Each structure stands twice: as structure tokens, then as C-alpha cells.
C-alpha atoms as a PDB file:
ATOM      1  CA  UNK A   1      39.882 -34.171 108.384  1.00  0.00           C
ATOM      2  CA  UNK A   2      37.473 -36.468 106.539  1.00  0.00           C
ATOM      3  CA  UNK A   3      35.014 -35.264 103.901  1.00  0.00           C
ATOM      4  CA  UNK A   4      32.160 -36.486 106.111  1.00  0.00           C
ATOM      5  CA  UNK A   5      33.413 -34.304 108.989  1.00  0.00           C
ATOM      6  CA  UNK A   6      33.728 -31.297 106.658  1.00  0.00           C
ATOM      7  CA  UNK A   7      30.137 -31.806 105.468  1.00  0.00           C
ATOM      8  CA  UNK A   8      28.900 -32.207 109.041  1.00  0.00           C
ATOM      9  CA  UNK A   9      30.520 -28.894 109.961  1.00  0.00           C
ATOM     10  CA  UNK A  10      28.758 -27.205 107.027  1.00  0.00           C
ATOM     11  CA  UNK A  11      25.214 -28.285 107.975  1.00  0.00           C
ATOM     12  CA  UNK A  12      23.503 -27.369 111.273  1.00  0.00           C
ATOM     13  CA  UNK A  13      21.125 -29.566 113.298  1.00  0.00           C
ATOM     14  CA  UNK A  14      18.127 -28.323 111.248  1.00  0.00           C
ATOM     15  CA  UNK A  15      19.755 -29.346 107.963  1.00  0.00           C
ATOM     16  CA  UNK A  16      20.473 -25.733 106.978  1.00  0.00           C
ATOM     17  CA  UNK A  17      23.814 -24.567 105.620  1.00  0.00           C
ATOM     18  CA  UNK A  18      25.622 -22.478 108.210  1.00  0.00           C
ATOM     19  CA  UNK A  19      26.319 -19.025 106.803  1.00  0.00           C
ATOM     20  CA  UNK A  20      29.621 -18.759 108.676  1.00  0.00           C
ATOM     21  CA  UNK A  21      30.780 -21.903 106.859  1.00  0.00           C
ATOM     22  CA  UNK A  22      30.464 -20.151 103.493  1.00  0.00           C
ATOM     23  CA  UNK A  23      33.412 -17.812 103.928  1.00  0.00           C
ATOM     24  CA  UNK A  24      34.606 -18.447 100.361  1.00  0.00           C
ATOM     25  CA  UNK A  25      31.241 -17.693  98.707  1.00  0.00           C
ATOM     26  CA  UNK A  26      30.230 -14.173  97.698  1.00  0.00           C
ATOM     27  CA  UNK A  27      27.131 -12.877  99.472  1.00  0.00           C
ATOM     28  CA  UNK A  28      23.925 -12.251  97.525  1.00  0.00           C
ATOM     29  CA  UNK A  29      23.958  -8.666  96.193  1.00  0.00           C
ATOM     30  CA  UNK A  30      22.436  -5.983  98.409  1.00  0.00           C
ATOM     31  CA  UNK A  31      18.649  -5.513  98.116  1.00  0.00           C
ATOM     32  CA  UNK A  32      18.218  -8.701  96.059  1.00  0.00           C
ATOM     33  CA  UNK A  33      16.568 -11.931  97.177  1.00  0.00           C
ATOM     34  CA  UNK A  34      15.408 -15.100  95.470  1.00  0.00           C
ATOM     35  CA  UNK A  35      12.680 -17.486  96.533  1.00  0.00           C
ATOM     36  CA  UNK A  36      10.249 -20.050  95.223  1.00  0.00           C
ATOM     37  CA  UNK A  37       6.709 -19.043  94.344  1.00  0.00           C
ATOM     38  CA  UNK A  38       5.010 -22.394  93.970  1.00  0.00           C
ATOM     39  CA  UNK A  39       7.576 -24.129  91.770  1.00  0.00           C
ATOM     40  CA  UNK A  40       8.781 -20.968  90.000  1.00  0.00           C
ATOM     41  CA  UNK A  41      11.994 -19.139  90.985  1.00  0.00           C
ATOM     42  CA  UNK A  42      11.298 -15.448  91.642  1.00  0.00           C
ATOM     43  CA  UNK A  43      13.941 -12.728  92.024  1.00  0.00           C
ATOM     44  CA  UNK A  44      13.029  -9.713  94.114  1.00  0.00           C
ATOM     45  CA  UNK A  45      14.716  -6.291  94.255  1.00  0.00           C
ATOM     46  CA  UNK A  46      13.864  -3.828  97.050  1.00  0.00           C
ATOM     47  CA  UNK A  47      10.619  -5.661  97.836  1.00  0.00           C
ATOM     48  CA  UNK A  48       9.414  -5.889  94.214  1.00  0.00           C
ATOM     49  CA  UNK A  49       9.325  -9.110  92.199  1.00  0.00           C
ATOM     50  CA  UNK A  50      11.241  -8.248  89.022  1.00  0.00           C
ATOM     51  CA  UNK A  51      12.146 -11.518  87.345  1.00  0.00           C
ATOM     52  CA  UNK A  52      10.819 -15.075  87.267  1.00  0.00           C
ATOM     53  CA  UNK A  53      11.905 -18.367  85.770  1.00  0.00           C
ATOM     54  CA  UNK A  54       9.036 -20.833  85.515  1.00  0.00           C
ATOM     55  CA  UNK A  55       9.280 -24.595  85.777  1.00  0.00           C
ATOM     56  CA  UNK A  56       8.423 -24.720  82.065  1.00  0.00           C
ATOM     57  CA  UNK A  57      11.514 -22.617  81.298  1.00  0.00           C
ATOM     58  CA  UNK A  58       9.705 -19.367  80.548  1.00  0.00           C
ATOM     59  CA  UNK A  59      11.494 -16.165  81.547  1.00  0.00           C
ATOM     60  CA  UNK A  60       9.192 -13.404  82.808  1.00  0.00           C
ATOM     61  CA  UNK A  61      10.453  -9.892  83.573  1.00  0.00           C
ATOM     62  CA  UNK A  62       8.752  -6.856  85.077  1.00  0.00           C
ATOM     63  CA  UNK A  63      10.361  -4.667  82.393  1.00  0.00           C
ATOM     64  CA  UNK A  64      11.786  -5.341  78.928  1.00  0.00           C
ATOM     65  CA  UNK A  65      14.325  -8.096  78.272  1.00  0.00           C
ATOM     66  CA  UNK A  66      17.256  -6.927  76.145  1.00  0.00           C
ATOM     67  CA  UNK A  67      19.076  -9.325  73.846  1.00  0.00           C
ATOM     68  CA  UNK A  68      22.567  -8.670  72.541  1.00  0.00           C
ATOM     69  CA  UNK A  69      23.050  -5.619  74.762  1.00  0.00           C
ATOM     70  CA  UNK A  70      26.242  -4.509  76.446  1.00  0.00           C
ATOM     71  CA  UNK A  71      26.877  -4.350  80.155  1.00  0.00           C
END
């Protein structure tokens, strides 16, 4: 199968990636979503915006940002 055919099978008629075609990609974690707000990328958890990365590179969080912590 050609690479062009593989790409065509990945994209639907609207230009969207078909979810079923992403069987080797982990799903977005439960209760999380990400979307653009203007040009900024905003991460939302359970309906609350909690984290934003601006087009200028600023990182904005609803709560504290911890550096050098452990997970």
C-alpha cells in the first residue's frame, strides 16, 4: 500500500483525522481536554481551565507551579 493511500485512509472527507485510524495512539486522559482560546493553548480538567500556554511562551496555572518536585 502506498503512503498516499495510507494518508487518505487516515483523513476523512472533512479533513479530520479518523479516530478509529489512531489505534496505536493513547487516548487523552479521562476528564482532560485541550483547546485553543484565541491563540493560546488551554488545558481543562473536569470543566475547569487549569493550565495555559500563551503564544508568547508564558505558562499560566490555576494553582502553584512546582519546580524540581517528584512525581
